[in-house]
Each structure stands twice: as C-alpha cells, then as structure tokens.
C-alpha cells in the first residue's frame, strides 16, 4: 500500500508545486509528508484516498513552508521596498535625517527577504541597490561637509597709510 500510485502522484504534484514556489528544501518537505502518510497508514489502516483528502491540496501544504507561498505577496513586498528605497533617495537632500535610516532599514530588509524569496530576487536586489546608492551619497555628502574649511578667519584691521610728504 505504501507504493500506491495515488501516493506517488500526490507526492509528485507536491514536488512540482514546491519547485514552482521556490521552497528552499523541497525534498525535506516531501519526506515529511511521506512520513505522515506512512504513519497514517500504519495507525488505522485507513483508505489512502481518505488520508490524502485529510492532508488537503498540495498547494496548501506548500504554502505552509518557509520560502513558499503566494508569489504575488513577495512581488508586492519587493515593489514596496523598491518604492521606499526610491523615496529615501529622493528625500536625501531635503530630509537626510529621515532618508538615511529609511535607506538602511529598507536595504537590510531587502537583503533578508531576497535570501528567502528566490522568485522575486530581482526586486529585492534593486531595492538593495537603490538603498546602497542613498547611503553612499549621504556618506559622500557628509564627507564633503566635513572637508569644508571651518577655520574662522579673523579680520585684518585696517591701518591708515600716510605718505611721507602728505599733510
């Protein structure tokens, strides 16, 4: 019963959905589901159809594991991070004290999300790049301000000059 074609078909469907969703370790998920099926078969000799029905659709199982799930949610998050990164770049000159922390937060978030969500990695990389440009521009601007001549020159007193033959 463990080699039933319905189980093989279910696991093949699960593997396909996990591959499409970008789950980091699909073989581990499949092994876990396989163990669950085997345990259910040993416990109560239930019908395979009933066991697979209890597990539910493979899409639901795939959505429960990290790195998988709704690809449009990851796309939306990537777009939001890209917009925020662009806003931090635009706000750099008028409001640098807001722009720099925003760029730092967006850049770090984009790095973390980009490692987890392979399907939308380009958006996360773009957000990271724009954040890096903002931080680099702020560092260059700060260095330029620090390099300015800050010495205060003392005015030279005006001394009247008289010529030797003048009254």
Protein backbone atom coordinates (compact mmCIF):
# COMPACT_ATOMS: atom_id res chain seq x y z
CA UNK A 1 0.00 0.00 0.00
CA UNK A 2 2.91 2.33 0.62
CA UNK A 3 3.80 2.12 -3.09
CA UNK A 4 0.30 3.03 -4.23
CA UNK A 5 0.26 5.13 -7.45
CA UNK A 6 -2.09 7.65 -5.79
CA UNK A 7 0.56 8.40 -3.18
CA UNK A 8 3.26 8.70 -5.85
CA UNK A 9 1.02 11.03 -7.85
CA UNK A 10 0.25 13.17 -4.78
CA UNK A 11 3.94 13.47 -3.88
CA UNK A 12 4.87 14.28 -7.50
CA UNK A 13 2.26 17.06 -7.52
CA UNK A 14 3.63 18.34 -4.21
CA UNK A 15 7.17 18.33 -5.60
CA UNK A 16 6.05 20.31 -8.66
CA UNK A 17 4.24 22.94 -6.56
CA UNK A 18 7.19 23.25 -4.17
CA UNK A 19 9.57 23.75 -7.09
CA UNK A 20 7.32 26.46 -8.57
CA UNK A 21 7.01 28.27 -5.25
CA UNK A 22 10.75 28.37 -4.57
CA UNK A 23 10.76 26.38 -1.33
CA UNK A 24 14.40 26.15 -0.22
CA UNK A 25 14.43 22.40 0.55
CA UNK A 26 11.56 20.61 -1.24
CA UNK A 27 12.96 17.12 -0.58
CA UNK A 28 12.71 17.68 3.16
CA UNK A 29 9.06 18.71 2.83
CA UNK A 30 8.26 15.70 0.66
CA UNK A 31 9.99 13.36 3.13
CA UNK A 32 7.97 14.86 5.97
CA UNK A 33 4.67 14.40 4.11
CA UNK A 34 5.71 10.87 3.16
CA UNK A 35 6.36 10.05 6.83
CA UNK A 36 2.95 11.46 7.73
CA UNK A 37 1.27 9.27 5.11
CA UNK A 38 3.19 6.18 6.26
CA UNK A 39 2.28 6.84 9.90
CA UNK A 40 -1.39 7.26 9.00
CA UNK A 41 -1.36 4.00 7.04
CA UNK A 42 0.21 2.11 9.96
CA UNK A 43 -2.10 3.57 12.61
CA UNK A 44 -5.56 2.79 11.42
CA UNK A 45 -5.27 1.07 8.03
CA UNK A 46 -7.30 3.92 6.63
CA UNK A 47 -8.03 4.20 2.97
CA UNK A 48 -5.36 6.05 1.01
CA UNK A 49 -7.99 8.32 -0.51
CA UNK A 50 -9.15 9.36 2.96
CA UNK A 51 -5.58 10.03 4.13
CA UNK A 52 -4.80 12.17 1.08
CA UNK A 53 -8.10 14.00 1.48
CA UNK A 54 -7.20 14.80 5.12
CA UNK A 55 -3.85 16.18 4.02
CA UNK A 56 -5.59 18.54 1.65
CA UNK A 57 -4.45 20.09 -1.60
CA UNK A 58 -0.72 20.16 -2.26
CA UNK A 59 -0.89 23.94 -2.72
CA UNK A 60 -1.97 24.35 0.90
CA UNK A 61 0.88 22.14 2.13
CA UNK A 62 3.40 24.05 0.02
CA UNK A 63 2.14 27.39 1.38
CA UNK A 64 2.85 26.29 4.97
CA UNK A 65 6.60 26.02 4.48
CA UNK A 66 9.07 28.94 4.55
CA UNK A 67 10.13 30.37 1.24
CA UNK A 68 7.00 29.19 -0.46
CA UNK A 69 3.59 30.68 -0.51
CA UNK A 70 1.95 33.34 -2.55
CA UNK A 71 4.42 34.65 -5.15
CA UNK A 72 2.36 37.81 -5.62
CA UNK A 73 2.82 38.64 -1.94
CA UNK A 74 6.59 38.52 -2.40
CA UNK A 75 6.28 40.65 -5.53
CA UNK A 76 4.19 43.18 -3.65
CA UNK A 77 6.72 43.28 -0.81
CA UNK A 78 9.54 43.75 -3.31
CA UNK A 79 7.71 46.61 -5.01
CA UNK A 80 7.00 48.29 -1.68
CA UNK A 81 10.67 48.03 -0.70
CA UNK A 82 11.73 49.41 -4.07
CA UNK A 83 9.35 52.38 -3.70
CA UNK A 84 10.61 53.05 -0.17
CA UNK A 85 14.22 52.85 -1.33
CA UNK A 86 13.47 55.33 -4.10
CA UNK A 87 11.73 57.61 -1.64
CA UNK A 88 14.79 57.53 0.61
CA UNK A 89 16.93 58.59 -2.34
CA UNK A 90 14.57 61.43 -3.25
CA UNK A 91 14.39 62.62 0.37
CA UNK A 92 18.17 62.59 0.80
CA UNK A 93 18.68 66.30 0.16
CA UNK A 94 15.59 67.81 1.82
CA UNK A 95 15.35 65.44 4.81
CA UNK A 96 18.59 63.50 5.27
CA UNK A 97 17.88 62.59 8.90
CA UNK A 98 14.85 60.60 7.69
CA UNK A 99 16.35 59.35 4.44
CA UNK A 100 19.41 57.61 5.85
CA UNK A 101 17.63 55.43 8.46
CA UNK A 102 14.94 54.60 5.89
CA UNK A 103 17.56 53.53 3.35
CA UNK A 104 19.33 51.42 5.96
CA UNK A 105 16.13 49.68 7.07
CA UNK A 106 14.94 49.06 3.51
CA UNK A 107 18.34 47.77 2.41
CA UNK A 108 18.62 45.29 5.27
CA UNK A 109 15.02 44.13 4.83
CA UNK A 110 15.53 43.64 1.11
CA UNK A 111 18.64 41.55 1.76
CA UNK A 112 16.80 39.28 4.20
CA UNK A 113 13.70 38.90 2.01
CA UNK A 114 15.84 38.37 -1.10
CA UNK A 115 17.52 35.38 0.50
CA UNK A 116 14.16 33.83 1.40
CA UNK A 117 12.19 34.53 -1.77
CA UNK A 118 14.01 33.38 -4.88
CA UNK A 119 11.16 34.14 -7.26
CA UNK A 120 11.29 37.92 -6.67
CA UNK A 121 15.00 38.30 -6.08
CA UNK A 122 15.40 40.99 -8.77
CA UNK A 123 13.06 43.37 -6.97
CA UNK A 124 14.87 42.86 -3.69
CA UNK A 125 18.25 43.38 -5.35
CA UNK A 126 17.01 46.59 -6.96
CA UNK A 127 15.74 47.87 -3.60
CA UNK A 128 19.08 46.96 -2.02
CA UNK A 129 20.98 48.76 -4.79
CA UNK A 130 18.91 51.96 -4.51
CA UNK A 131 19.35 51.90 -0.73
CA UNK A 132 23.09 51.45 -1.15
CA UNK A 133 23.24 54.42 -3.55
CA UNK A 134 21.35 56.53 -0.99
CA UNK A 135 23.73 55.55 1.80
CA UNK A 136 26.77 56.12 -0.39
CA UNK A 137 25.52 59.54 -1.50
CA UNK A 138 24.86 60.53 2.11
CA UNK A 139 28.36 59.42 3.11
CA UNK A 140 29.91 61.41 0.26
CA UNK A 141 27.81 64.43 1.19
CA UNK A 142 28.78 64.17 4.84
CA UNK A 143 32.46 63.85 3.93
CA UNK A 144 32.17 66.90 1.70
CA UNK A 145 30.64 68.92 4.50
CA UNK A 146 33.34 67.83 6.93
CA UNK A 147 36.09 68.73 4.47
CA UNK A 148 34.89 72.31 4.12
CA UNK A 149 37.20 74.93 5.55
CA UNK A 150 35.81 75.53 9.01
CA UNK A 151 38.50 77.93 10.19
CA UNK A 152 37.17 81.33 11.01
CA UNK A 153 39.45 83.94 9.57
CA UNK A 154 40.00 86.97 11.76
CA UNK A 155 39.61 90.24 10.01
CA UNK A 156 42.78 92.17 9.49
CA UNK A 157 42.49 95.65 11.00
CA UNK A 158 42.65 98.49 8.53
CA UNK A 159 45.68 100.62 9.17
CA UNK A 160 45.72 104.08 7.61
CA UNK A 161 48.76 104.60 5.50
CA UNK A 162 50.19 108.03 5.15
CA UNK A 163 52.78 109.07 2.68
CA UNK A 164 55.82 110.91 3.99
CA UNK A 165 55.09 114.18 2.22
CA UNK A 166 51.36 114.31 2.83
CA UNK A 167 49.82 116.65 5.42
